Amino acid sequence: MKKIIVLGLSAALLAVLASCGSNPEYSSSSSSSSAQETSQTKASDTTDTDFKVSVDDAIEAYQEAYPDSEITSIDLETSLGKYLYKIEGVDDDKEYELRVDANTKAVSKEREENLDTEDQAGVKRTEDKLDLQDLLSIKQVSDIAEEHVGDGKATDWSLDKEDGTTYWEVKVTNGNEETEVKIDAKTGEVLETDVDD
């Protein structure tokens, strides 16, 4: 008698499980949820260098906010899970900082303050002004840096100037190892490599 009850309960349980598996509502939500998990995993595992807002778009946003100033540095880095362009610039009397969301183009003004006396009257403006003509894109410099390093993914970018050369500094991360690659912002030539493990 016990065997019959156990067999009957087993058969009933199998029937219930089989009907759940053939329920289209159940299986479609299960597969779409699994597809969402896969895409979220891929997004978090890699850094996508195809940002919706290009460097040129971010420069344009800065120039709209501060039309009579010069850009002195651009950083693209992550903050609270979002990539932001941090753009600094100067005019003859003040220095400015603006942030532009790399995916939404939302703009926030971060800082505006007077320059030190020795940097006023166009001194800092002339010394630190970046040459923004014909810049290589984030994607281009990422590819150059990743190929140069061999392994890893580009995660941070800075546009700066030294000895009259405007260059990208790209951080390539591979596990715990970080390599910073300086690349001429116009020609793509690798200028310097610094490994920090």
Protein backbone atom coordinates (compact mmCIF):
# COMPACT_ATOMS: atom_id res chain seq x y z
CA MET A 1 0.00 0.00 0.00
CA LYS A 2 2.86 2.41 0.87
CA LYS A 3 4.51 1.71 -2.51
CA ILE A 4 1.31 2.64 -4.35
CA ILE A 5 0.99 5.93 -2.43
CA VAL A 6 4.66 6.79 -3.03
CA LEU A 7 4.35 5.92 -6.74
CA GLY A 8 1.13 7.95 -7.00
CA LEU A 9 2.70 11.00 -5.34
CA SER A 10 5.79 10.69 -7.56
CA ALA A 11 3.65 10.54 -10.71
CA ALA A 12 1.62 13.56 -9.55
CA LEU A 13 4.80 15.51 -8.83
CA LEU A 14 6.23 14.66 -12.25
CA ALA A 15 2.99 15.78 -13.93
CA VAL A 16 3.09 19.13 -12.10
CA LEU A 17 6.75 19.67 -13.04
CA ALA A 18 6.10 18.73 -16.67
CA SER A 19 3.22 21.19 -16.92
CA CYS A 20 5.42 23.99 -15.49
CA GLY A 21 8.07 23.26 -18.11
CA SER A 22 5.57 23.48 -20.98
CA ASN A 23 3.92 26.65 -19.69
CA PRO A 24 4.92 29.28 -22.27
CA GLU A 25 4.61 32.11 -19.77
CA TYR A 26 7.03 30.39 -17.41
CA SER A 27 9.59 29.43 -20.05
CA SER A 28 9.63 32.80 -21.84
CA SER A 29 10.14 34.77 -18.64
CA SER A 30 12.81 32.31 -17.61
CA SER A 31 14.70 32.62 -20.91
CA SER A 32 14.38 36.42 -21.08
CA SER A 33 15.57 36.70 -17.49
CA SER A 34 18.55 34.50 -18.34
CA ALA A 35 19.29 36.63 -21.44
CA GLN A 36 19.16 39.77 -19.29
CA GLU A 37 21.55 38.22 -16.78
CA THR A 38 23.94 37.28 -19.59
CA SER A 39 23.91 40.79 -21.07
CA GLN A 40 24.40 42.35 -17.64
CA THR A 41 27.32 40.02 -16.97
CA LYS A 42 28.92 40.94 -20.29
CA ALA A 43 28.45 44.65 -19.61
CA SER A 44 30.08 44.46 -16.21
CA ASP A 45 32.93 42.20 -17.34
CA THR A 46 34.17 44.54 -20.06
CA THR A 47 34.56 48.24 -20.57
CA ASP A 48 32.80 49.40 -23.70
CA THR A 49 34.80 52.10 -25.45
CA ASP A 50 31.86 53.06 -27.69
CA PHE A 51 30.47 55.71 -25.38
CA LYS A 52 27.34 57.48 -26.62
CA VAL A 53 29.06 60.83 -25.98
CA SER A 54 32.31 61.25 -27.90
CA VAL A 55 35.26 63.38 -26.81
CA ASP A 56 34.20 65.95 -29.42
CA ASP A 57 30.67 66.04 -27.92
CA ALA A 58 32.12 66.57 -24.43
CA ILE A 59 34.41 69.35 -25.72
CA GLU A 60 31.41 71.00 -27.38
CA ALA A 61 29.44 70.85 -24.09
CA TYR A 62 32.35 72.51 -22.27
CA GLN A 63 32.71 75.22 -24.93
CA GLU A 64 28.99 76.00 -24.71
CA ALA A 65 29.32 76.47 -20.95
CA TYR A 66 32.59 78.45 -21.07
CA PRO A 67 32.94 79.86 -24.61
CA ASP A 68 35.82 82.26 -23.89
CA SER A 69 38.15 79.76 -22.23
CA GLU A 70 40.70 77.12 -23.22
CA ILE A 71 40.62 73.44 -22.25
CA THR A 72 43.67 72.33 -20.24
CA SER A 73 42.82 68.67 -19.49
CA ILE A 74 40.19 66.00 -20.14
CA ASP A 75 39.75 62.84 -18.08
CA LEU A 76 37.30 60.03 -18.79
CA GLU A 77 36.88 57.87 -15.72
CA THR A 78 34.27 55.96 -13.79
CA SER A 79 32.48 57.47 -10.81
CA LEU A 80 29.76 55.57 -8.93
CA GLY A 81 29.43 53.10 -11.82
CA LYS A 82 29.09 55.79 -14.54
CA TYR A 83 31.70 57.08 -16.93
CA LEU A 84 32.13 60.86 -16.82
CA TYR A 85 34.30 63.28 -18.75
CA LYS A 86 35.97 65.71 -16.36
CA ILE A 87 37.07 68.75 -18.34
CA GLU A 88 39.20 71.53 -16.89
CA GLY A 89 39.87 74.86 -18.53
CA VAL A 90 40.98 78.45 -17.96
CA ASP A 91 40.45 81.94 -19.25
CA ASP A 92 42.57 84.96 -18.32
CA ASP A 93 41.25 85.15 -14.74
CA LYS A 94 39.51 81.91 -13.72
CA GLU A 95 39.76 78.15 -13.93
CA TYR A 96 36.76 75.92 -14.54
CA GLU A 97 35.76 72.29 -14.16
CA LEU A 98 32.82 70.65 -15.91
CA ARG A 99 31.59 67.06 -15.90
CA VAL A 100 29.77 65.44 -18.80
CA ASP A 101 28.09 62.03 -18.52
CA ALA A 102 29.62 59.80 -21.22
CA ASN A 103 26.28 58.13 -22.00
CA THR A 104 23.62 60.80 -21.42
CA LYS A 105 25.57 64.05 -22.04
CA ALA A 106 24.16 65.43 -18.78
CA VAL A 107 26.35 68.37 -17.75
CA SER A 108 27.24 69.51 -14.25
CA LYS A 109 29.45 72.45 -13.37
CA GLU A 110 31.80 71.41 -10.62
CA ARG A 111 34.12 74.28 -9.95
CA GLU A 112 34.84 77.87 -10.91
CA GLU A 113 37.55 79.79 -9.08
CA ASN A 114 40.02 82.61 -9.54
CA LEU A 115 43.51 81.85 -10.81
CA ASP A 116 46.56 82.66 -8.73
CA THR A 117 48.05 86.02 -9.61
CA GLU A 118 51.05 84.50 -11.44
CA ASP A 119 48.69 82.45 -13.67
CA GLN A 120 46.42 85.37 -14.64
CA ALA A 121 46.57 87.61 -17.72
CA GLY A 122 46.71 84.60 -20.07
CA VAL A 123 49.84 82.97 -18.58
CA LYS A 124 48.22 79.62 -17.63
CA ARG A 125 45.96 79.82 -20.66
CA THR A 126 48.96 79.97 -23.01
CA GLU A 127 51.05 77.37 -21.15
CA ASP A 128 48.41 74.67 -20.61
CA LYS A 129 46.05 75.03 -23.59
CA LEU A 130 45.50 71.66 -25.34
CA ASP A 131 45.60 71.32 -29.11
CA LEU A 132 42.17 69.80 -29.77
CA GLN A 133 42.38 69.56 -33.57
CA ASP A 134 42.34 66.08 -35.18
CA LEU A 135 42.33 64.11 -31.92
CA LEU A 136 42.30 60.32 -32.02
CA SER A 137 39.09 58.88 -30.54
CA ILE A 138 38.78 56.95 -27.28
CA LYS A 139 38.28 53.76 -29.32
CA GLN A 140 41.40 54.37 -31.41
CA VAL A 141 43.72 55.06 -28.46
CA SER A 142 42.21 52.14 -26.51
CA ASP A 143 43.01 49.78 -29.38
CA ILE A 144 46.57 51.13 -29.62
CA ALA A 145 47.17 50.84 -25.86
CA GLU A 146 45.66 47.35 -25.55
CA GLU A 147 47.67 46.07 -28.50
CA HIS A 148 50.85 47.65 -27.10
CA VAL A 149 50.34 46.06 -23.65
CA GLY A 150 49.26 42.69 -25.09
CA ASP A 151 46.68 41.75 -22.44
CA GLY A 152 44.05 43.73 -20.57
CA LYS A 153 41.33 46.29 -21.12
CA ALA A 154 41.49 50.09 -21.33
CA THR A 155 39.62 51.55 -18.35
CA ASP A 156 40.65 55.22 -17.92
CA TRP A 157 41.72 57.96 -20.29
CA SER A 158 43.38 61.37 -19.78
CA LEU A 159 44.17 64.02 -22.37
CA ASP A 160 47.03 66.26 -21.31
CA LYS A 161 50.04 68.18 -22.63
CA GLU A 162 53.77 67.96 -22.01
CA ASP A 163 56.63 69.70 -23.88
CA GLY A 164 54.15 71.03 -26.43
CA THR A 165 52.72 67.57 -27.24
CA THR A 166 49.07 66.81 -26.54
CA TYR A 167 48.83 63.14 -25.57
CA TRP A 168 46.37 60.52 -24.34
CA GLU A 169 47.33 58.55 -21.25
CA VAL A 170 45.41 55.27 -21.31
CA LYS A 171 45.25 52.95 -18.30
CA VAL A 172 45.10 49.27 -19.30
CA THR A 173 44.05 46.89 -16.53
CA ASN A 174 44.81 43.18 -16.51
CA GLY A 175 43.86 41.60 -13.17
CA ASN A 176 45.87 43.45 -10.51
CA GLU A 177 48.35 44.85 -13.04
CA GLU A 178 47.85 48.35 -14.42
CA THR A 179 49.82 49.78 -17.32
CA GLU A 180 49.69 53.44 -18.31
CA VAL A 181 50.43 54.09 -21.96
CA LYS A 182 51.10 57.61 -23.24
CA ILE A 183 50.06 58.02 -26.86
CA ASP A 184 50.48 61.06 -29.12
CA ALA A 185 46.89 62.31 -29.45
CA LYS A 186 47.26 63.01 -33.17
CA THR A 187 49.67 60.44 -34.60
CA GLY A 188 48.97 57.43 -32.35
CA GLU A 189 52.68 56.97 -31.60
CA VAL A 190 53.34 55.30 -28.22
CA LEU A 191 55.47 57.78 -26.26
CA GLU A 192 55.92 56.03 -22.91
CA THR A 193 54.79 52.98 -20.93
CA ASP A 194 54.61 52.65 -17.14
CA VAL A 195 53.70 49.34 -15.46
CA ASP A 196 52.29 49.38 -11.91
CA ASP A 197 51.68 45.93 -10.41
